[in-house]
């Protein structure tokens, strides 16, 4: 959208260029702040861990990692929760 706004400013349509730039700013803010909260609210994980999982997945796998990172985090959380709930860790520590 920035190249589009730049082109419009260059061709003389300043009002539309400013409007597109403001729209881009609003979209960026929403994507950076609201999107992780929505994703984390749906999967039951804190937003910062969701962001970390998305970033880590992206670094390891690429675009698919953005989707697979939180899924792997959910799986690990469930495995860890099951181990704690079953008392496996407690039985190991009590020996």
PDB file of N, CA and C in Angstrom:
ATOM      1  N   UNK A   1       0.821  -1.189   0.000  1.00  0.00           N
ATOM      2  CA  UNK A   1       0.000   0.000   0.000  1.00  0.00           C
ATOM      3  C   UNK A   1       0.868   1.257   0.000  1.00  0.00           C
ATOM      4  N   UNK A   2       2.075   1.150   0.540  1.00  0.00           N
ATOM      5  CA  UNK A   2       2.942   2.324   0.563  1.00  0.00           C
ATOM      6  C   UNK A   2       3.365   2.719  -0.854  1.00  0.00           C
ATOM      7  N   UNK A   3       3.736   1.760  -1.711  1.00  0.00           N
ATOM      8  CA  UNK A   3       4.044   2.181  -3.083  1.00  0.00           C
ATOM      9  C   UNK A   3       2.845   2.825  -3.782  1.00  0.00           C
ATOM     10  N   UNK A   4       1.673   2.310  -3.504  1.00  0.00           N
ATOM     11  CA  UNK A   4       0.466   2.875  -4.089  1.00  0.00           C
ATOM     12  C   UNK A   4       0.270   4.313  -3.607  1.00  0.00           C
ATOM     13  N   UNK A   5       0.421   4.530  -2.308  1.00  0.00           N
ATOM     14  CA  UNK A   5       0.283   5.882  -1.760  1.00  0.00           C
ATOM     15  C   UNK A   5       1.359   6.798  -2.320  1.00  0.00           C
ATOM     16  N   UNK A   6       2.578   6.273  -2.454  1.00  0.00           N
ATOM     17  CA  UNK A   6       3.652   7.075  -3.039  1.00  0.00           C
ATOM     18  C   UNK A   6       3.368   7.447  -4.474  1.00  0.00           C
ATOM     19  N   UNK A   7       2.847   6.503  -5.238  1.00  0.00           N
ATOM     20  CA  UNK A   7       2.505   6.779  -6.631  1.00  0.00           C
ATOM     21  C   UNK A   7       1.410   7.839  -6.716  1.00  0.00           C
ATOM     22  N   UNK A   8       0.397   7.721  -5.867  1.00  0.00           N
ATOM     23  CA  UNK A   8      -0.690   8.703  -5.871  1.00  0.00           C
ATOM     24  C   UNK A   8      -0.180  10.086  -5.474  1.00  0.00           C
ATOM     25  N   UNK A   9       0.719  10.146  -4.502  1.00  0.00           N
ATOM     26  CA  UNK A   9       1.292  11.441  -4.112  1.00  0.00           C
ATOM     27  C   UNK A   9       2.119  12.025  -5.245  1.00  0.00           C
ATOM     28  N   UNK A  10       2.836  11.167  -5.952  1.00  0.00           N
ATOM     29  CA  UNK A  10       3.664  11.612  -7.070  1.00  0.00           C
ATOM     30  C   UNK A  10       2.819  12.145  -8.222  1.00  0.00           C
ATOM     31  N   UNK A  11       1.652  11.504  -8.439  1.00  0.00           N
ATOM     32  CA  UNK A  11       0.779  11.939  -9.530  1.00  0.00           C
ATOM     33  C   UNK A  11      -0.116  13.105  -9.137  1.00  0.00           C
ATOM     34  N   UNK A  12      -0.082  13.518  -7.866  1.00  0.00           N
ATOM     35  CA  UNK A  12      -0.811  14.709  -7.464  1.00  0.00           C
ATOM     36  C   UNK A  12      -2.072  14.473  -6.648  1.00  0.00           C
ATOM     37  N   UNK A  13      -2.461  13.224  -6.409  1.00  0.00           N
ATOM     38  CA  UNK A  13      -3.670  12.950  -5.631  1.00  0.00           C
ATOM     39  C   UNK A  13      -3.274  12.782  -4.158  1.00  0.00           C
ATOM     40  N   UNK A  14      -2.974  13.886  -3.509  1.00  0.00           N
ATOM     41  CA  UNK A  14      -2.445  13.886  -2.147  1.00  0.00           C
ATOM     42  C   UNK A  14      -3.477  13.367  -1.141  1.00  0.00           C
ATOM     43  N   UNK A  15      -4.741  13.755  -1.300  1.00  0.00           N
ATOM     44  CA  UNK A  15      -5.771  13.330  -0.347  1.00  0.00           C
ATOM     45  C   UNK A  15      -5.906  11.813  -0.311  1.00  0.00           C
ATOM     46  N   UNK A  16      -5.979  11.199  -1.483  1.00  0.00           N
ATOM     47  CA  UNK A  16      -6.112   9.744  -1.543  1.00  0.00           C
ATOM     48  C   UNK A  16      -4.833   9.067  -1.046  1.00  0.00           C
ATOM     49  N   UNK A  17      -3.682   9.640  -1.339  1.00  0.00           N
ATOM     50  CA  UNK A  17      -2.413   9.086  -0.867  1.00  0.00           C
ATOM     51  C   UNK A  17      -2.366   9.095   0.657  1.00  0.00           C
ATOM     52  N   UNK A  18      -2.784  10.184   1.271  1.00  0.00           N
ATOM     53  CA  UNK A  18      -2.809  10.266   2.734  1.00  0.00           C
ATOM     54  C   UNK A  18      -3.819   9.283   3.310  1.00  0.00           C
ATOM     55  N   UNK A  19      -4.981   9.170   2.686  1.00  0.00           N
ATOM     56  CA  UNK A  19      -6.007   8.235   3.157  1.00  0.00           C
ATOM     57  C   UNK A  19      -5.503   6.800   3.088  1.00  0.00           C
ATOM     58  N   UNK A  20      -4.829   6.433   2.031  1.00  0.00           N
ATOM     59  CA  UNK A  20      -4.302   5.077   1.895  1.00  0.00           C
ATOM     60  C   UNK A  20      -3.204   4.827   2.927  1.00  0.00           C
ATOM     61  N   UNK A  21      -2.362   5.828   3.160  1.00  0.00           N
ATOM     62  CA  UNK A  21      -1.307   5.687   4.153  1.00  0.00           C
ATOM     63  C   UNK A  21      -1.897   5.514   5.553  1.00  0.00           C
ATOM     64  N   UNK A  22      -2.928   6.277   5.888  1.00  0.00           N
ATOM     65  CA  UNK A  22      -3.594   6.147   7.194  1.00  0.00           C
ATOM     66  C   UNK A  22      -4.242   4.769   7.316  1.00  0.00           C
ATOM     67  N   UNK A  23      -4.871   4.304   6.247  1.00  0.00           N
ATOM     68  CA  UNK A  23      -5.471   2.971   6.251  1.00  0.00           C
ATOM     69  C   UNK A  23      -4.405   1.904   6.480  1.00  0.00           C
ATOM     70  N   UNK A  24      -3.247   2.061   5.844  1.00  0.00           N
ATOM     71  CA  UNK A  24      -2.145   1.122   6.041  1.00  0.00           C
ATOM     72  C   UNK A  24      -1.680   1.123   7.499  1.00  0.00           C
ATOM     73  N   UNK A  25      -1.584   2.307   8.111  1.00  0.00           N
ATOM     74  CA  UNK A  25      -1.185   2.406   9.520  1.00  0.00           C
ATOM     75  C   UNK A  25      -2.175   1.689  10.422  1.00  0.00           C
ATOM     76  N   UNK A  26      -3.456   1.892  10.195  1.00  0.00           N
ATOM     77  CA  UNK A  26      -4.488   1.242  10.999  1.00  0.00           C
ATOM     78  C   UNK A  26      -4.419  -0.276  10.836  1.00  0.00           C
ATOM     79  N   UNK A  27      -4.257  -0.732   9.615  1.00  0.00           N
ATOM     80  CA  UNK A  27      -4.165  -2.176   9.364  1.00  0.00           C
ATOM     81  C   UNK A  27      -2.942  -2.775  10.050  1.00  0.00           C
ATOM     82  N   UNK A  28      -1.834  -2.075  10.018  1.00  0.00           N
ATOM     83  CA  UNK A  28      -0.615  -2.573  10.654  1.00  0.00           C
ATOM     84  C   UNK A  28      -0.787  -2.681  12.161  1.00  0.00           C
ATOM     85  N   UNK A  29      -1.388  -1.675  12.762  1.00  0.00           N
ATOM     86  CA  UNK A  29      -1.611  -1.696  14.211  1.00  0.00           C
ATOM     87  C   UNK A  29      -2.537  -2.846  14.594  1.00  0.00           C
ATOM     88  N   UNK A  30      -3.594  -3.023  13.858  1.00  0.00           N
ATOM     89  CA  UNK A  30      -4.542  -4.097  14.151  1.00  0.00           C
ATOM     90  C   UNK A  30      -3.861  -5.452  14.014  1.00  0.00           C
ATOM     91  N   UNK A  31      -3.078  -5.620  12.974  1.00  0.00           N
ATOM     92  CA  UNK A  31      -2.413  -6.910  12.770  1.00  0.00           C
ATOM     93  C   UNK A  31      -1.388  -7.195  13.844  1.00  0.00           C
ATOM     94  N   UNK A  32      -0.701  -6.184  14.328  1.00  0.00           N
ATOM     95  CA  UNK A  32       0.346  -6.398  15.324  1.00  0.00           C
ATOM     96  C   UNK A  32      -0.212  -6.577  16.740  1.00  0.00           C
ATOM     97  N   UNK A  33      -1.320  -5.960  17.037  1.00  0.00           N
ATOM     98  CA  UNK A  33      -1.836  -5.976  18.406  1.00  0.00           C
ATOM     99  C   UNK A  33      -3.012  -6.924  18.564  1.00  0.00           C
ATOM    100  N   UNK A  34      -3.986  -6.820  17.707  1.00  0.00           N
ATOM    101  CA  UNK A  34      -5.239  -7.553  17.892  1.00  0.00           C
ATOM    102  C   UNK A  34      -5.134  -9.003  17.426  1.00  0.00           C
ATOM    103  N   UNK A  35      -4.466  -9.233  16.328  1.00  0.00           N
ATOM    104  CA  UNK A  35      -4.423 -10.583  15.762  1.00  0.00           C
ATOM    105  C   UNK A  35      -3.835 -11.625  16.720  1.00  0.00           C
ATOM    106  N   UNK A  36      -2.697 -11.370  17.378  1.00  0.00           N
ATOM    107  CA  UNK A  36      -2.197 -12.378  18.319  1.00  0.00           C
ATOM    108  C   UNK A  36      -3.151 -12.644  19.480  1.00  0.00           C
ATOM    109  N   UNK A  37      -3.865 -11.619  19.934  1.00  0.00           N
ATOM    110  CA  UNK A  37      -4.815 -11.815  21.031  1.00  0.00           C
ATOM    111  C   UNK A  37      -5.987 -12.679  20.595  1.00  0.00           C
ATOM    112  N   UNK A  38      -6.435 -12.490  19.364  1.00  0.00           N
ATOM    113  CA  UNK A  38      -7.535 -13.305  18.851  1.00  0.00           C
ATOM    114  C   UNK A  38      -7.093 -14.755  18.721  1.00  0.00           C
ATOM    115  N   UNK A  39      -5.918 -14.947  18.150  1.00  0.00           N
ATOM    116  CA  UNK A  39      -5.406 -16.307  17.968  1.00  0.00           C
ATOM    117  C   UNK A  39      -5.197 -16.976  19.322  1.00  0.00           C
ATOM    118  N   UNK A  40      -4.578 -16.256  20.253  1.00  0.00           N
ATOM    119  CA  UNK A  40      -4.309 -16.858  21.558  1.00  0.00           C
ATOM    120  C   UNK A  40      -5.594 -17.115  22.336  1.00  0.00           C
ATOM    121  N   UNK A  41      -6.585 -16.263  22.172  1.00  0.00           N
ATOM    122  CA  UNK A  41      -7.859 -16.468  22.854  1.00  0.00           C
ATOM    123  C   UNK A  41      -8.575 -17.710  22.368  1.00  0.00           C
ATOM    124  N   UNK A  42      -8.421 -18.013  21.111  1.00  0.00           N
ATOM    125  CA  UNK A  42      -9.073 -19.186  20.551  1.00  0.00           C
ATOM    126  C   UNK A  42      -8.381 -20.483  20.947  1.00  0.00           C
ATOM    127  N   UNK A  43      -7.059 -20.420  21.158  1.00  0.00           N
ATOM    128  CA  UNK A  43      -6.341 -21.652  21.458  1.00  0.00           C
ATOM    129  C   UNK A  43      -5.983 -21.781  22.930  1.00  0.00           C
ATOM    130  N   UNK A  44      -6.233 -20.744  23.737  1.00  0.00           N
ATOM    131  CA  UNK A  44      -6.019 -20.830  25.173  1.00  0.00           C
ATOM    132  C   UNK A  44      -4.581 -20.678  25.618  1.00  0.00           C
ATOM    133  N   UNK A  45      -3.784 -19.956  24.858  1.00  0.00           N
ATOM    134  CA  UNK A  45      -2.384 -19.736  25.215  1.00  0.00           C
ATOM    135  C   UNK A  45      -2.155 -18.228  25.266  1.00  0.00           C
ATOM    136  N   UNK A  46      -1.281 -17.788  26.162  1.00  0.00           N
ATOM    137  CA  UNK A  46      -0.962 -16.365  26.312  1.00  0.00           C
ATOM    138  C   UNK A  46      -0.453 -15.793  24.976  1.00  0.00           C
ATOM    139  N   UNK A  47      -0.836 -14.555  24.651  1.00  0.00           N
ATOM    140  CA  UNK A  47      -0.447 -13.969  23.358  1.00  0.00           C
ATOM    141  C   UNK A  47       1.057 -13.929  23.106  1.00  0.00           C
ATOM    142  N   UNK A  48       1.856 -13.703  24.135  1.00  0.00           N
ATOM    143  CA  UNK A  48       3.304 -13.625  23.911  1.00  0.00           C
ATOM    144  C   UNK A  48       3.862 -14.977  23.487  1.00  0.00           C
ATOM    145  N   UNK A  49       3.327 -16.062  24.074  1.00  0.00           N
ATOM    146  CA  UNK A  49       3.785 -17.392  23.678  1.00  0.00           C
ATOM    147  C   UNK A  49       3.320 -17.739  22.266  1.00  0.00           C
ATOM    148  N   UNK A  50       2.139 -17.246  21.904  1.00  0.00           N
ATOM    149  CA  UNK A  50       1.662 -17.439  20.543  1.00  0.00           C
ATOM    150  C   UNK A  50       2.572 -16.719  19.550  1.00  0.00           C
ATOM    151  N   UNK A  51       2.955 -15.486  19.867  1.00  0.00           N
ATOM    152  CA  UNK A  51       3.867 -14.749  18.997  1.00  0.00           C
ATOM    153  C   UNK A  51       5.217 -15.442  18.893  1.00  0.00           C
ATOM    154  N   UNK A  52       5.724 -15.912  20.029  1.00  0.00           N
ATOM    155  CA  UNK A  52       7.011 -16.607  20.014  1.00  0.00           C
ATOM    156  C   UNK A  52       6.917 -17.873  19.162  1.00  0.00           C
ATOM    157  N   UNK A  53       5.834 -18.607  19.302  1.00  0.00           N
ATOM    158  CA  UNK A  53       5.652 -19.831  18.513  1.00  0.00           C
ATOM    159  C   UNK A  53       5.539 -19.512  17.024  1.00  0.00           C
ATOM    160  N   UNK A  54       4.818 -18.430  16.699  1.00  0.00           N
ATOM    161  CA  UNK A  54       4.687 -18.042  15.292  1.00  0.00           C
ATOM    162  C   UNK A  54       6.037 -17.623  14.720  1.00  0.00           C
ATOM    163  N   UNK A  55       6.798 -16.842  15.482  1.00  0.00           N
ATOM    164  CA  UNK A  55       8.103 -16.378  15.020  1.00  0.00           C
ATOM    165  C   UNK A  55       9.083 -17.543  14.874  1.00  0.00           C
ATOM    166  N   UNK A  56       9.116 -18.413  15.879  1.00  0.00           N
ATOM    167  CA  UNK A  56      10.011 -19.563  15.827  1.00  0.00           C
ATOM    168  C   UNK A  56       9.650 -20.484  14.666  1.00  0.00           C
ATOM    169  N   UNK A  57       8.369 -20.732  14.504  1.00  0.00           N
ATOM    170  CA  UNK A  57       7.932 -21.558  13.383  1.00  0.00           C
ATOM    171  C   UNK A  57       8.301 -20.944  12.041  1.00  0.00           C
ATOM    172  N   UNK A  58       8.172 -19.629  11.941  1.00  0.00           N
ATOM    173  CA  UNK A  58       8.531 -18.950  10.689  1.00  0.00           C
ATOM    174  C   UNK A  58      10.024 -19.077  10.417  1.00  0.00           C
ATOM    175  N   UNK A  59      10.839 -18.936  11.456  1.00  0.00           N
ATOM    176  CA  UNK A  59      12.291 -19.031  11.275  1.00  0.00           C
ATOM    177  C   UNK A  59      12.722 -20.441  10.889  1.00  0.00           C
ATOM    178  N   UNK A  60      12.073 -21.463  11.455  1.00  0.00           N
ATOM    179  CA  UNK A  60      12.470 -22.835  11.163  1.00  0.00           C
ATOM    180  C   UNK A  60      11.865 -23.379   9.876  1.00  0.00           C
ATOM    181  N   UNK A  61      10.588 -23.088   9.639  1.00  0.00           N
ATOM    182  CA  UNK A  61       9.875 -23.724   8.537  1.00  0.00           C
ATOM    183  C   UNK A  61       9.521 -22.747   7.413  1.00  0.00           C
ATOM    184  N   UNK A  62       9.407 -21.469   7.731  1.00  0.00           N
ATOM    185  CA  UNK A  62       8.999 -20.492   6.729  1.00  0.00           C
ATOM    186  C   UNK A  62       7.539 -20.115   6.943  1.00  0.00           C
ATOM    187  N   UNK A  63       6.863 -19.809   5.861  1.00  0.00           N
ATOM    188  CA  UNK A  63       5.465 -19.366   5.937  1.00  0.00           C
ATOM    189  C   UNK A  63       4.597 -20.402   6.633  1.00  0.00           C
ATOM    190  N   UNK A  64       4.803 -21.672   6.351  1.00  0.00           N
ATOM    191  CA  UNK A  64       4.003 -22.717   6.991  1.00  0.00           C
ATOM    192  C   UNK A  64       4.231 -22.742   8.499  1.00  0.00           C
ATOM    193  N   UNK A  65       5.399 -22.281   8.924  1.00  0.00           N
ATOM    194  CA  UNK A  65       5.707 -22.251  10.344  1.00  0.00           C
ATOM    195  C   UNK A  65       4.833 -21.296  11.124  1.00  0.00           C
ATOM    196  N   UNK A  66       4.325 -20.255  10.451  1.00  0.00           N
ATOM    197  CA  UNK A  66       3.400 -19.336  11.117  1.00  0.00           C
ATOM    198  C   UNK A  66       2.153 -20.063  11.597  1.00  0.00           C
ATOM    199  N   UNK A  67       1.742 -21.058  10.853  1.00  0.00           N
ATOM    200  CA  UNK A  67       0.569 -21.848  11.248  1.00  0.00           C
ATOM    201  C   UNK A  67       0.948 -23.033  12.123  1.00  0.00           C
ATOM    202  N   UNK A  68       2.064 -23.672  11.804  1.00  0.00           N
ATOM    203  CA  UNK A  68       2.444 -24.875  12.540  1.00  0.00           C
ATOM    204  C   UNK A  68       3.047 -24.573  13.904  1.00  0.00           C
ATOM    205  N   UNK A  69       3.670 -23.419  14.073  1.00  0.00           N
ATOM    206  CA  UNK A  69       4.276 -23.068  15.359  1.00  0.00           C
ATOM    207  C   UNK A  69       3.281 -23.100  16.509  1.00  0.00           C
ATOM    208  N   UNK A  70       2.163 -22.374  16.415  1.00  0.00           N
ATOM    209  CA  UNK A  70       1.168 -22.448  17.496  1.00  0.00           C
ATOM    210  C   UNK A  70       0.567 -23.835  17.678  1.00  0.00           C
ATOM    211  N   UNK A  71       0.419 -24.590  16.597  1.00  0.00           N
ATOM    212  CA  UNK A  71      -0.122 -25.950  16.707  1.00  0.00           C
ATOM    213  C   UNK A  71       0.839 -26.828  17.494  1.00  0.00           C
ATOM    214  N   UNK A  72       2.138 -26.711  17.193  1.00  0.00           N
ATOM    215  CA  UNK A  72       3.140 -27.475  17.937  1.00  0.00           C
ATOM    216  C   UNK A  72       3.151 -27.051  19.394  1.00  0.00           C
ATOM    217  N   UNK A  73       2.985 -25.750  19.642  1.00  0.00           N
ATOM    218  CA  UNK A  73       2.925 -25.258  21.021  1.00  0.00           C
ATOM    219  C   UNK A  73       1.745 -25.845  21.774  1.00  0.00           C
ATOM    220  N   UNK A  74       0.593 -25.943  21.130  1.00  0.00           N
ATOM    221  CA  UNK A  74      -0.592 -26.531  21.759  1.00  0.00           C
ATOM    222  C   UNK A  74      -0.343 -27.999  22.096  1.00  0.00           C
ATOM    223  N   UNK A  75       0.273 -28.715  21.165  1.00  0.00           N
ATOM    224  CA  UNK A  75       0.567 -30.130  21.390  1.00  0.00           C
ATOM    225  C   UNK A  75       1.511 -30.286  22.572  1.00  0.00           C
ATOM    226  N   UNK A  76       2.578 -29.470  22.605  1.00  0.00           N
ATOM    227  CA  UNK A  76       3.527 -29.546  23.715  1.00  0.00           C
ATOM    228  C   UNK A  76       2.881 -29.173  25.048  1.00  0.00           C
ATOM    229  N   UNK A  77       1.998 -28.178  25.018  1.00  0.00           N
ATOM    230  CA  UNK A  77       1.301 -27.779  26.239  1.00  0.00           C
ATOM    231  C   UNK A  77       0.417 -28.917  26.753  1.00  0.00           C
ATOM    232  N   UNK A  78      -0.273 -29.587  25.839  1.00  0.00           N
ATOM    233  CA  UNK A  78      -1.139 -30.699  26.249  1.00  0.00           C
ATOM    234  C   UNK A  78      -0.329 -31.880  26.773  1.00  0.00           C
ATOM    235  N   UNK A  79       0.795 -32.170  26.138  1.00  0.00           N
ATOM    236  CA  UNK A  79       1.648 -33.261  26.614  1.00  0.00           C
ATOM    237  C   UNK A  79       2.182 -32.926  27.998  1.00  0.00           C
ATOM    238  N   UNK A  80       2.684 -31.710  28.167  1.00  0.00           N
ATOM    239  CA  UNK A  80       3.228 -31.300  29.455  1.00  0.00           C
ATOM    240  C   UNK A  80       2.135 -31.306  30.529  1.00  0.00           C
ATOM    241  N   UNK A  81       0.957 -30.809  30.181  1.00  0.00           N
ATOM    242  CA  UNK A  81      -0.155 -30.804  31.134  1.00  0.00           C
ATOM    243  C   UNK A  81      -0.568 -32.206  31.531  1.00  0.00           C
ATOM    244  N   UNK A  82      -0.546 -33.127  30.590  1.00  0.00           N
ATOM    245  CA  UNK A  82      -0.894 -34.518  30.880  1.00  0.00           C
ATOM    246  C   UNK A  82       0.134 -35.148  31.805  1.00  0.00           C
ATOM    247  N   UNK A  83       1.399 -34.865  31.559  1.00  0.00           N
ATOM    248  CA  UNK A  83       2.452 -35.422  32.413  1.00  0.00           C
ATOM    249  C   UNK A  83       2.302 -34.906  33.841  1.00  0.00           C
ATOM    250  N   UNK A  84       2.027 -33.615  33.982  1.00  0.00           N
ATOM    251  CA  UNK A  84       1.855 -33.032  35.321  1.00  0.00           C
ATOM    252  C   UNK A  84       0.603 -33.598  35.992  1.00  0.00           C
ATOM    253  N   UNK A  85      -0.508 -33.667  35.244  1.00  0.00           N
ATOM    254  CA  UNK A  85      -1.765 -34.149  35.818  1.00  0.00           C
ATOM    255  C   UNK A  85      -1.693 -35.614  36.230  1.00  0.00           C
ATOM    256  N   UNK A  86      -0.985 -36.413  35.500  1.00  0.00           N
ATOM    257  CA  UNK A  86      -0.893 -37.841  35.801  1.00  0.00           C
ATOM    258  C   UNK A  86       0.054 -38.112  36.962  1.00  0.00           C
ATOM    259  N   UNK A  87       0.824 -37.114  37.341  1.00  0.00           N
ATOM    260  CA  UNK A  87       1.729 -37.307  38.445  1.00  0.00           C
ATOM    261  C   UNK A  87       3.043 -37.958  38.083  1.00  0.00           C
ATOM    262  N   UNK A  88       3.374 -38.020  36.800  1.00  0.00           N
ATOM    263  CA  UNK A  88       4.610 -38.648  36.369  1.00  0.00           C
ATOM    264  C   UNK A  88       5.809 -37.901  36.956  1.00  0.00           C
ATOM    265  N   UNK A  89       5.763 -36.578  36.886  1.00  0.00           N
ATOM    266  CA  UNK A  89       6.869 -35.775  37.413  1.00  0.00           C
ATOM    267  C   UNK A  89       6.960 -35.940  38.930  1.00  0.00           C
ATOM    268  N   UNK A  90       5.827 -35.953  39.612  1.00  0.00           N
ATOM    269  CA  UNK A  90       5.819 -36.123  41.057  1.00  0.00           C
ATOM    270  C   UNK A  90       6.408 -37.478  41.459  1.00  0.00           C
ATOM    271  N   UNK A  91       6.052 -38.514  40.714  1.00  0.00           N
ATOM    272  CA  UNK A  91       6.562 -39.849  41.056  1.00  0.00           C
ATOM    273  C   UNK A  91       8.064 -39.938  40.808  1.00  0.00           C
ATOM    274  N   UNK A  92       8.558 -39.229  39.817  1.00  0.00           N
ATOM    275  CA  UNK A  92      10.002 -39.224  39.542  1.00  0.00           C
ATOM    276  C   UNK A  92      10.734 -38.463  40.638  1.00  0.00           C
ATOM    277  N   UNK A  93      10.170 -37.332  41.058  1.00  0.00           N
ATOM    278  CA  UNK A  93      10.826 -36.501  42.061  1.00  0.00           C
ATOM    279  C   UNK A  93      10.764 -37.119  43.463  1.00  0.00           C
ATOM    280  N   UNK A  94       9.778 -37.931  43.737  1.00  0.00           N
ATOM    281  CA  UNK A  94       9.620 -38.522  45.063  1.00  0.00           C
ATOM    282  C   UNK A  94      10.545 -39.707  45.281  1.00  0.00           C
ATOM    283  N   UNK A  95      11.146 -40.240  44.277  1.00  0.00           N
ATOM    284  CA  UNK A  95      12.014 -41.423  44.419  1.00  0.00           C
ATOM    285  C   UNK A  95      13.282 -41.076  45.065  1.00  0.00           C
TER     286      UNK A  95
END
